[in-house]
All heavy atoms as atom14 arrays in JSON, in Angstrom:
{
  "sequence": "ISRDKAKNTAYLQMDNLRPEDTAVYYCAATPYYSCSGTGCYDY",
  "atom14_mask": [
    [1, 1, 1, 1, 1, 1, 1, 1, 0, 0, 0, 0, 0, 0],
    [1, 1, 1, 1, 1, 1, 0, 0, 0, 0, 0, 0, 0, 0],
    [1, 1, 1, 1, 1, 1, 1, 1, 1, 1, 1, 0, 0, 0],
    [1, 1, 1, 1, 1, 1, 1, 1, 0, 0, 0, 0, 0, 0],
    [1, 1, 1, 1, 1, 1, 1, 1, 1, 0, 0, 0, 0, 0],
    [1, 1, 1, 1, 1, 0, 0, 0, 0, 0, 0, 0, 0, 0],
    [1, 1, 1, 1, 1, 1, 1, 1, 1, 0, 0, 0, 0, 0],
    [1, 1, 1, 1, 1, 1, 1, 1, 0, 0, 0, 0, 0, 0],
    [1, 1, 1, 1, 1, 1, 1, 0, 0, 0, 0, 0, 0, 0],
    [1, 1, 1, 1, 1, 0, 0, 0, 0, 0, 0, 0, 0, 0],
    [1, 1, 1, 1, 1, 1, 1, 1, 1, 1, 1, 1, 0, 0],
    [1, 1, 1, 1, 1, 1, 1, 1, 0, 0, 0, 0, 0, 0],
    [1, 1, 1, 1, 1, 1, 1, 1, 1, 0, 0, 0, 0, 0],
    [1, 1, 1, 1, 1, 1, 1, 1, 0, 0, 0, 0, 0, 0],
    [1, 1, 1, 1, 1, 1, 1, 1, 0, 0, 0, 0, 0, 0],
    [1, 1, 1, 1, 1, 1, 1, 1, 0, 0, 0, 0, 0, 0],
    [1, 1, 1, 1, 1, 1, 1, 1, 0, 0, 0, 0, 0, 0],
    [1, 1, 1, 1, 1, 1, 1, 1, 1, 1, 1, 0, 0, 0],
    [1, 1, 1, 1, 1, 1, 1, 0, 0, 0, 0, 0, 0, 0],
    [1, 1, 1, 1, 1, 1, 1, 1, 1, 0, 0, 0, 0, 0],
    [1, 1, 1, 1, 1, 1, 1, 1, 0, 0, 0, 0, 0, 0],
    [1, 1, 1, 1, 1, 1, 1, 0, 0, 0, 0, 0, 0, 0],
    [1, 1, 1, 1, 1, 0, 0, 0, 0, 0, 0, 0, 0, 0],
    [1, 1, 1, 1, 1, 1, 1, 0, 0, 0, 0, 0, 0, 0],
    [1, 1, 1, 1, 1, 1, 1, 1, 1, 1, 1, 1, 0, 0],
    [1, 1, 1, 1, 1, 1, 1, 1, 1, 1, 1, 1, 0, 0],
    [1, 1, 1, 1, 1, 1, 0, 0, 0, 0, 0, 0, 0, 0],
    [1, 1, 1, 1, 1, 0, 0, 0, 0, 0, 0, 0, 0, 0],
    [1, 1, 1, 1, 1, 0, 0, 0, 0, 0, 0, 0, 0, 0],
    [1, 1, 1, 1, 1, 1, 1, 0, 0, 0, 0, 0, 0, 0],
    [1, 1, 1, 1, 1, 1, 1, 0, 0, 0, 0, 0, 0, 0],
    [1, 1, 1, 1, 1, 1, 1, 1, 1, 1, 1, 1, 0, 0],
    [1, 1, 1, 1, 1, 1, 1, 1, 1, 1, 1, 1, 0, 0],
    [1, 1, 1, 1, 1, 1, 0, 0, 0, 0, 0, 0, 0, 0],
    [1, 1, 1, 1, 1, 1, 0, 0, 0, 0, 0, 0, 0, 0],
    [1, 1, 1, 1, 1, 1, 0, 0, 0, 0, 0, 0, 0, 0],
    [1, 1, 1, 1, 0, 0, 0, 0, 0, 0, 0, 0, 0, 0],
    [1, 1, 1, 1, 1, 1, 1, 0, 0, 0, 0, 0, 0, 0],
    [1, 1, 1, 1, 0, 0, 0, 0, 0, 0, 0, 0, 0, 0],
    [1, 1, 1, 1, 1, 1, 0, 0, 0, 0, 0, 0, 0, 0],
    [1, 1, 1, 1, 1, 1, 1, 1, 1, 1, 1, 1, 0, 0],
    [1, 1, 1, 1, 1, 1, 1, 1, 0, 0, 0, 0, 0, 0],
    [1, 1, 1, 1, 1, 1, 1, 1, 1, 1, 1, 1, 0, 0]
  ],
  "atom14_positions": [
    [[78.49, 47.65, 47.27], [77.93, 47.8, 45.93], [78.66, 48.93, 45.22], [78.89, 50.0, 45.79], [76.43, 48.08, 46.0], [75.71, 46.87, 46.6], [75.87, 48.42, 44.62], [74.24, 47.11, 46.91], [0.0, 0.0, 0.0], [0.0, 0.0, 0.0], [0.0, 0.0, 0.0], [0.0, 0.0, 0.0], [0.0, 0.0, 0.0], [0.0, 0.0, 0.0]],
    [[79.0, 48.68, 43.99], [79.68, 49.68, 43.19], [79.21, 49.58, 41.75], [78.49, 48.65, 41.39], [81.2, 49.51, 43.29], [81.6, 48.24, 42.82], [0.0, 0.0, 0.0], [0.0, 0.0, 0.0], [0.0, 0.0, 0.0], [0.0, 0.0, 0.0], [0.0, 0.0, 0.0], [0.0, 0.0, 0.0], [0.0, 0.0, 0.0], [0.0, 0.0, 0.0]],
    [[79.6, 50.53, 40.95], [79.28, 50.46, 39.54], [80.36, 51.13, 38.72], [81.08, 52.02, 39.21], [77.9, 51.07, 39.25], [77.83, 52.58, 39.4], [76.38, 53.07, 39.29], [75.75, 52.68, 38.05], [74.45, 52.77, 37.8], [73.63, 53.25, 38.74], [73.97, 52.38, 36.63], [0.0, 0.0, 0.0], [0.0, 0.0, 0.0], [0.0, 0.0, 0.0]],
    [[80.45, 50.7, 37.49], [81.4, 51.26, 36.54], [80.59, 51.68, 35.33], [80.2, 50.84, 34.52], [82.47, 50.23, 36.19], [83.58, 50.8, 35.33], [83.36, 51.81, 34.63], [84.69, 50.24, 35.36], [0.0, 0.0, 0.0], [0.0, 0.0, 0.0], [0.0, 0.0, 0.0], [0.0, 0.0, 0.0], [0.0, 0.0, 0.0], [0.0, 0.0, 0.0]],
    [[80.32, 52.95, 35.23], [79.47, 53.43, 34.15], [80.09, 53.22, 32.78], [79.38, 52.95, 31.81], [79.14, 54.91, 34.36], [78.21, 55.17, 35.52], [77.83, 56.63, 35.61], [76.81, 56.86, 36.71], [76.43, 58.3, 36.78], [0.0, 0.0, 0.0], [0.0, 0.0, 0.0], [0.0, 0.0, 0.0], [0.0, 0.0, 0.0], [0.0, 0.0, 0.0]],
    [[81.4, 53.33, 32.7], [82.07, 53.13, 31.43], [81.88, 51.71, 30.91], [81.86, 51.48, 29.7], [83.56, 53.45, 31.56], [0.0, 0.0, 0.0], [0.0, 0.0, 0.0], [0.0, 0.0, 0.0], [0.0, 0.0, 0.0], [0.0, 0.0, 0.0], [0.0, 0.0, 0.0], [0.0, 0.0, 0.0], [0.0, 0.0, 0.0], [0.0, 0.0, 0.0]],
    [[81.76, 50.76, 31.82], [81.57, 49.36, 31.45], [80.12, 48.93, 31.5], [79.81, 47.76, 31.23], [82.4, 48.45, 32.36], [83.9, 48.65, 32.23], [84.66, 47.71, 33.15], [86.15, 47.88, 33.0], [86.91, 46.98, 33.9], [0.0, 0.0, 0.0], [0.0, 0.0, 0.0], [0.0, 0.0, 0.0], [0.0, 0.0, 0.0], [0.0, 0.0, 0.0]],
    [[79.24, 49.86, 31.86], [77.81, 49.55, 31.95], [77.58, 48.35, 32.87], [76.83, 47.43, 32.54], [77.23, 49.29, 30.56], [75.76, 49.61, 30.45], [75.2, 50.39, 31.23], [75.1, 49.02, 29.45], [0.0, 0.0, 0.0], [0.0, 0.0, 0.0], [0.0, 0.0, 0.0], [0.0, 0.0, 0.0], [0.0, 0.0, 0.0], [0.0, 0.0, 0.0]],
    [[78.23, 48.4, 34.01], [78.29, 47.25, 34.9], [78.17, 47.68, 36.35], [78.66, 48.75, 36.73], [79.62, 46.49, 34.7], [79.72, 46.07, 33.33], [79.7, 45.27, 35.59], [0.0, 0.0, 0.0], [0.0, 0.0, 0.0], [0.0, 0.0, 0.0], [0.0, 0.0, 0.0], [0.0, 0.0, 0.0], [0.0, 0.0, 0.0], [0.0, 0.0, 0.0]],
    [[77.52, 46.87, 37.14], [77.45, 47.08, 38.58], [77.97, 45.83, 39.28], [77.98, 44.74, 38.71], [76.03, 47.39, 39.03], [0.0, 0.0, 0.0], [0.0, 0.0, 0.0], [0.0, 0.0, 0.0], [0.0, 0.0, 0.0], [0.0, 0.0, 0.0], [0.0, 0.0, 0.0], [0.0, 0.0, 0.0], [0.0, 0.0, 0.0], [0.0, 0.0, 0.0]],
    [[78.38, 45.99, 40.52], [79.0, 44.9, 41.26], [78.42, 44.78, 42.65], [78.0, 45.75, 43.27], [80.51, 45.12, 41.38], [81.21, 45.29, 40.06], [81.46, 46.56, 39.55], [81.62, 44.2, 39.32], [82.1, 46.74, 38.34], [82.25, 44.35, 38.1], [82.5, 45.62, 37.61], [83.13, 45.79, 36.41], [0.0, 0.0, 0.0], [0.0, 0.0, 0.0]],
    [[78.43, 43.56, 43.13], [78.12, 43.27, 44.52], [79.27, 42.47, 45.09], [79.44, 41.3, 44.77], [76.81, 42.49, 44.64], [76.44, 41.99, 46.05], [76.23, 43.16, 47.0], [75.21, 41.1, 46.0], [0.0, 0.0, 0.0], [0.0, 0.0, 0.0], [0.0, 0.0, 0.0], [0.0, 0.0, 0.0], [0.0, 0.0, 0.0], [0.0, 0.0, 0.0]],
    [[80.06, 43.11, 45.91], [81.15, 42.44, 46.6], [80.62, 41.9, 47.92], [80.06, 42.66, 48.71], [82.31, 43.4, 46.86], [83.45, 42.82, 47.68], [84.24, 41.77, 46.94], [84.5, 41.92, 45.75], [84.63, 40.7, 47.63], [0.0, 0.0, 0.0], [0.0, 0.0, 0.0], [0.0, 0.0, 0.0], [0.0, 0.0, 0.0], [0.0, 0.0, 0.0]],
    [[80.79, 40.62, 48.14], [80.32, 39.99, 49.36], [81.48, 39.34, 50.08], [82.23, 38.55, 49.48], [79.24, 38.95, 49.04], [78.04, 39.52, 48.31], [76.67, 38.34, 48.18], [77.41, 37.15, 47.05], [0.0, 0.0, 0.0], [0.0, 0.0, 0.0], [0.0, 0.0, 0.0], [0.0, 0.0, 0.0], [0.0, 0.0, 0.0], [0.0, 0.0, 0.0]],
    [[81.61, 39.67, 51.33], [82.69, 39.15, 52.15], [82.13, 38.43, 53.37], [80.99, 38.65, 53.77], [83.61, 40.29, 52.6], [84.23, 41.04, 51.46], [84.82, 40.41, 50.57], [84.11, 42.29, 51.45], [0.0, 0.0, 0.0], [0.0, 0.0, 0.0], [0.0, 0.0, 0.0], [0.0, 0.0, 0.0], [0.0, 0.0, 0.0], [0.0, 0.0, 0.0]],
    [[82.97, 37.6, 53.96], [82.58, 36.86, 55.16], [81.24, 36.17, 54.96], [80.32, 36.28, 55.77], [82.53, 37.82, 56.36], [82.42, 37.11, 57.7], [81.83, 37.63, 58.63], [82.97, 35.9, 57.78], [0.0, 0.0, 0.0], [0.0, 0.0, 0.0], [0.0, 0.0, 0.0], [0.0, 0.0, 0.0], [0.0, 0.0, 0.0], [0.0, 0.0, 0.0]],
    [[81.14, 35.44, 53.88], [79.89, 34.77, 53.55], [79.55, 33.68, 54.54], [80.43, 33.02, 55.1], [79.96, 34.21, 52.14], [79.86, 35.26, 51.04], [80.36, 34.7, 49.71], [78.43, 35.75, 50.91], [0.0, 0.0, 0.0], [0.0, 0.0, 0.0], [0.0, 0.0, 0.0], [0.0, 0.0, 0.0], [0.0, 0.0, 0.0], [0.0, 0.0, 0.0]],
    [[78.27, 33.49, 54.74], [77.74, 32.51, 55.67], [76.81, 31.56, 54.94], [76.26, 31.91, 53.91], [76.96, 33.22, 56.79], [77.74, 34.3, 57.51], [76.82, 35.21, 58.3], [77.55, 36.28, 58.95], [76.98, 37.32, 59.55], [75.66, 37.41, 59.59], [77.74, 38.25, 60.11], [0.0, 0.0, 0.0], [0.0, 0.0, 0.0], [0.0, 0.0, 0.0]],
    [[76.62, 30.35, 55.47], [75.71, 29.42, 54.81], [74.32, 30.0, 54.59], [73.68, 29.69, 53.58], [75.67, 28.23, 55.78], [77.01, 28.25, 56.42], [77.34, 29.71, 56.59], [0.0, 0.0, 0.0], [0.0, 0.0, 0.0], [0.0, 0.0, 0.0], [0.0, 0.0, 0.0], [0.0, 0.0, 0.0], [0.0, 0.0, 0.0], [0.0, 0.0, 0.0]],
    [[73.86, 30.83, 55.49], [72.54, 31.44, 55.32], [72.49, 32.47, 54.21], [71.41, 32.96, 53.87], [72.05, 32.06, 56.64], [73.03, 33.03, 57.27], [73.88, 32.4, 58.36], [74.35, 31.25, 58.17], [74.07, 33.04, 59.41], [0.0, 0.0, 0.0], [0.0, 0.0, 0.0], [0.0, 0.0, 0.0], [0.0, 0.0, 0.0], [0.0, 0.0, 0.0]],
    [[73.63, 32.81, 53.63], [73.66, 33.68, 52.46], [73.34, 32.93, 51.18], [73.23, 33.54, 50.11], [75.02, 34.35, 52.33], [75.32, 35.33, 53.45], [74.38, 36.04, 53.89], [76.49, 35.4, 53.88], [0.0, 0.0, 0.0], [0.0, 0.0, 0.0], [0.0, 0.0, 0.0], [0.0, 0.0, 0.0], [0.0, 0.0, 0.0], [0.0, 0.0, 0.0]],
    [[73.23, 31.62, 51.27], [72.91, 30.81, 50.1], [71.56, 31.24, 49.53], [70.55, 31.22, 50.23], [72.89, 29.33, 50.46], [74.21, 28.92, 50.86], [72.46, 28.48, 49.27], [0.0, 0.0, 0.0], [0.0, 0.0, 0.0], [0.0, 0.0, 0.0], [0.0, 0.0, 0.0], [0.0, 0.0, 0.0], [0.0, 0.0, 0.0], [0.0, 0.0, 0.0]],
    [[71.56, 31.62, 48.28], [70.35, 32.13, 47.65], [70.64, 32.41, 46.18], [71.79, 32.33, 45.73], [69.89, 33.42, 48.33], [0.0, 0.0, 0.0], [0.0, 0.0, 0.0], [0.0, 0.0, 0.0], [0.0, 0.0, 0.0], [0.0, 0.0, 0.0], [0.0, 0.0, 0.0], [0.0, 0.0, 0.0], [0.0, 0.0, 0.0], [0.0, 0.0, 0.0]],
    [[69.6, 32.74, 45.46], [69.76, 33.28, 44.13], [69.83, 34.8, 44.26], [68.97, 35.42, 44.89], [68.6, 32.88, 43.2], [68.76, 33.52, 41.83], [68.54, 31.36, 43.06], [0.0, 0.0, 0.0], [0.0, 0.0, 0.0], [0.0, 0.0, 0.0], [0.0, 0.0, 0.0], [0.0, 0.0, 0.0], [0.0, 0.0, 0.0], [0.0, 0.0, 0.0]],
    [[70.84, 35.38, 43.66], [71.07, 36.8, 43.76], [70.69, 37.48, 42.45], [71.05, 37.02, 41.37], [72.53, 37.09, 44.1], [72.84, 36.81, 45.56], [72.88, 35.5, 46.03], [73.05, 37.85, 46.45], [73.13, 35.24, 47.37], [73.31, 37.59, 47.79], [73.35, 36.29, 48.25], [73.6, 36.03, 49.57], [0.0, 0.0, 0.0], [0.0, 0.0, 0.0]],
    [[69.98, 38.59, 42.58], [69.48, 39.32, 41.43], [69.94, 40.77, 41.46], [70.04, 41.37, 42.53], [67.94, 39.35, 41.43], [67.27, 38.0, 41.36], [67.0, 37.27, 42.51], [66.9, 37.47, 40.13], [66.37, 36.04, 42.45], [66.26, 36.24, 40.06], [66.0, 35.53, 41.22], [65.37, 34.32, 41.16], [0.0, 0.0, 0.0], [0.0, 0.0, 0.0]],
    [[70.18, 41.3, 40.3], [70.33, 42.74, 40.18], [69.11, 43.29, 39.46], [68.42, 42.58, 38.73], [71.62, 43.14, 39.47], [71.73, 42.69, 37.73], [0.0, 0.0, 0.0], [0.0, 0.0, 0.0], [0.0, 0.0, 0.0], [0.0, 0.0, 0.0], [0.0, 0.0, 0.0], [0.0, 0.0, 0.0], [0.0, 0.0, 0.0], [0.0, 0.0, 0.0]],
    [[68.83, 44.54, 39.69], [67.68, 45.18, 39.09], [67.95, 46.66, 38.92], [68.8, 47.24, 39.59], [66.44, 44.97, 39.98], [0.0, 0.0, 0.0], [0.0, 0.0, 0.0], [0.0, 0.0, 0.0], [0.0, 0.0, 0.0], [0.0, 0.0, 0.0], [0.0, 0.0, 0.0], [0.0, 0.0, 0.0], [0.0, 0.0, 0.0], [0.0, 0.0, 0.0]],
    [[67.21, 47.27, 38.0], [67.38, 48.69, 37.7], [66.12, 49.46, 38.02], [65.01, 49.02, 37.71], [67.75, 48.87, 36.23], [0.0, 0.0, 0.0], [0.0, 0.0, 0.0], [0.0, 0.0, 0.0], [0.0, 0.0, 0.0], [0.0, 0.0, 0.0], [0.0, 0.0, 0.0], [0.0, 0.0, 0.0], [0.0, 0.0, 0.0], [0.0, 0.0, 0.0]],
    [[66.3, 50.61, 38.64], [65.18, 51.45, 39.04], [65.37, 52.88, 38.56], [66.48, 53.4, 38.58], [65.01, 51.45, 40.57], [63.94, 52.34, 40.93], [66.28, 51.9, 41.28], [0.0, 0.0, 0.0], [0.0, 0.0, 0.0], [0.0, 0.0, 0.0], [0.0, 0.0, 0.0], [0.0, 0.0, 0.0], [0.0, 0.0, 0.0], [0.0, 0.0, 0.0]],
    [[64.29, 53.54, 38.13], [64.4, 54.95, 37.77], [64.41, 55.87, 38.98], [64.68, 57.06, 38.83], [63.15, 55.19, 36.92], [62.15, 54.24, 37.48], [62.94, 53.01, 37.85], [0.0, 0.0, 0.0], [0.0, 0.0, 0.0], [0.0, 0.0, 0.0], [0.0, 0.0, 0.0], [0.0, 0.0, 0.0], [0.0, 0.0, 0.0], [0.0, 0.0, 0.0]],
    [[64.12, 55.33, 40.16], [64.1, 56.14, 41.36], [65.5, 56.38, 41.89], [66.43, 55.6, 41.65], [63.24, 55.49, 42.43], [61.78, 55.42, 42.07], [61.25, 54.27, 41.5], [60.94, 56.51, 42.3], [59.91, 54.21, 41.17], [59.61, 56.45, 41.96], [59.1, 55.3, 41.4], [57.76, 55.24, 41.06], [0.0, 0.0, 0.0], [0.0, 0.0, 0.0]],
    [[65.63, 57.44, 42.64], [66.92, 57.75, 43.25], [67.34, 56.62, 44.18], [68.51, 56.21, 44.19], [66.84, 59.07, 44.0], [68.12, 59.45, 44.71], [69.18, 60.01, 44.0], [68.28, 59.25, 46.07], [70.36, 60.36, 44.63], [69.45, 59.6, 46.71], [70.49, 60.15, 45.99], [71.66, 60.5, 46.62], [0.0, 0.0, 0.0], [0.0, 0.0, 0.0]],
    [[66.39, 56.16, 44.96], [66.67, 55.08, 45.89], [65.36, 54.38, 46.24], [64.35, 55.04, 46.47], [67.33, 55.61, 47.16], [67.61, 54.56, 48.08], [0.0, 0.0, 0.0], [0.0, 0.0, 0.0], [0.0, 0.0, 0.0], [0.0, 0.0, 0.0], [0.0, 0.0, 0.0], [0.0, 0.0, 0.0], [0.0, 0.0, 0.0], [0.0, 0.0, 0.0]],
    [[65.36, 53.07, 46.25], [64.2, 52.32, 46.7], [64.64, 50.93, 47.1], [65.65, 50.41, 46.61], [63.11, 52.27, 45.64], [63.52, 51.36, 44.15], [0.0, 0.0, 0.0], [0.0, 0.0, 0.0], [0.0, 0.0, 0.0], [0.0, 0.0, 0.0], [0.0, 0.0, 0.0], [0.0, 0.0, 0.0], [0.0, 0.0, 0.0], [0.0, 0.0, 0.0]],
    [[63.89, 50.35, 48.0], [64.23, 49.04, 48.55], [63.17, 47.98, 48.28], [63.34, 46.83, 48.67], [64.48, 49.15, 50.05], [63.34, 49.65, 50.74], [0.0, 0.0, 0.0], [0.0, 0.0, 0.0], [0.0, 0.0, 0.0], [0.0, 0.0, 0.0], [0.0, 0.0, 0.0], [0.0, 0.0, 0.0], [0.0, 0.0, 0.0], [0.0, 0.0, 0.0]],
    [[62.09, 48.36, 47.63], [61.04, 47.42, 47.32], [61.15, 46.89, 45.91], [61.62, 47.59, 45.01], [0.0, 0.0, 0.0], [0.0, 0.0, 0.0], [0.0, 0.0, 0.0], [0.0, 0.0, 0.0], [0.0, 0.0, 0.0], [0.0, 0.0, 0.0], [0.0, 0.0, 0.0], [0.0, 0.0, 0.0], [0.0, 0.0, 0.0], [0.0, 0.0, 0.0]],
    [[60.72, 45.68, 45.71], [60.81, 45.08, 44.39], [59.96, 45.82, 43.36], [60.29, 45.82, 42.17], [60.39, 43.6, 44.42], [59.06, 43.49, 44.93], [61.33, 42.79, 45.31], [0.0, 0.0, 0.0], [0.0, 0.0, 0.0], [0.0, 0.0, 0.0], [0.0, 0.0, 0.0], [0.0, 0.0, 0.0], [0.0, 0.0, 0.0], [0.0, 0.0, 0.0]],
    [[58.89, 46.45, 43.81], [57.95, 47.09, 42.91], [58.48, 48.31, 42.19], [57.9, 48.73, 41.18], [0.0, 0.0, 0.0], [0.0, 0.0, 0.0], [0.0, 0.0, 0.0], [0.0, 0.0, 0.0], [0.0, 0.0, 0.0], [0.0, 0.0, 0.0], [0.0, 0.0, 0.0], [0.0, 0.0, 0.0], [0.0, 0.0, 0.0], [0.0, 0.0, 0.0]],
    [[59.53, 48.91, 42.69], [60.06, 50.11, 42.06], [61.2, 49.83, 41.09], [61.8, 50.77, 40.56], [60.5, 51.13, 43.12], [61.68, 50.5, 44.32], [0.0, 0.0, 0.0], [0.0, 0.0, 0.0], [0.0, 0.0, 0.0], [0.0, 0.0, 0.0], [0.0, 0.0, 0.0], [0.0, 0.0, 0.0], [0.0, 0.0, 0.0], [0.0, 0.0, 0.0]],
    [[61.46, 48.58, 40.84], [62.51, 48.21, 39.89], [61.88, 47.73, 38.58], [61.01, 46.86, 38.57], [63.42, 47.13, 40.48], [64.34, 47.69, 41.54], [63.92, 47.84, 42.85], [65.63, 48.1, 41.2], [64.75, 48.4, 43.8], [66.47, 48.65, 42.15], [66.03, 48.8, 43.45], [66.86, 49.35, 44.4], [0.0, 0.0, 0.0], [0.0, 0.0, 0.0]],
    [[62.33, 48.32, 37.49], [61.73, 48.05, 36.19], [62.34, 46.86, 35.47], [61.65, 46.19, 34.69], [61.88, 49.29, 35.29], [61.06, 50.47, 35.77], [60.09, 50.26, 36.52], [61.38, 51.6, 35.37], [0.0, 0.0, 0.0], [0.0, 0.0, 0.0], [0.0, 0.0, 0.0], [0.0, 0.0, 0.0], [0.0, 0.0, 0.0], [0.0, 0.0, 0.0]],
    [[63.6, 46.63, 35.68], [64.31, 45.56, 34.98], [65.02, 44.66, 35.96], [65.6, 45.13, 36.94], [65.32, 46.14, 33.99], [64.71, 47.07, 32.97], [64.83, 48.45, 33.1], [63.99, 46.56, 31.89], [64.26, 49.3, 32.17], [63.42, 47.41, 30.97], [63.56, 48.78, 31.11], [62.99, 49.62, 30.19], [0.0, 0.0, 0.0], [0.0, 0.0, 0.0]]
  ]
}
């Protein structure tokens, strides 16, 4: 995971993908320093 603040953009680089990785992928924004639960993401 990386981000480019100048471009207001974040990235998810995924390598060695597997069939079980098939899914809908979402990005989200949180005001917290770090969190892993869906409830702490505002957008």
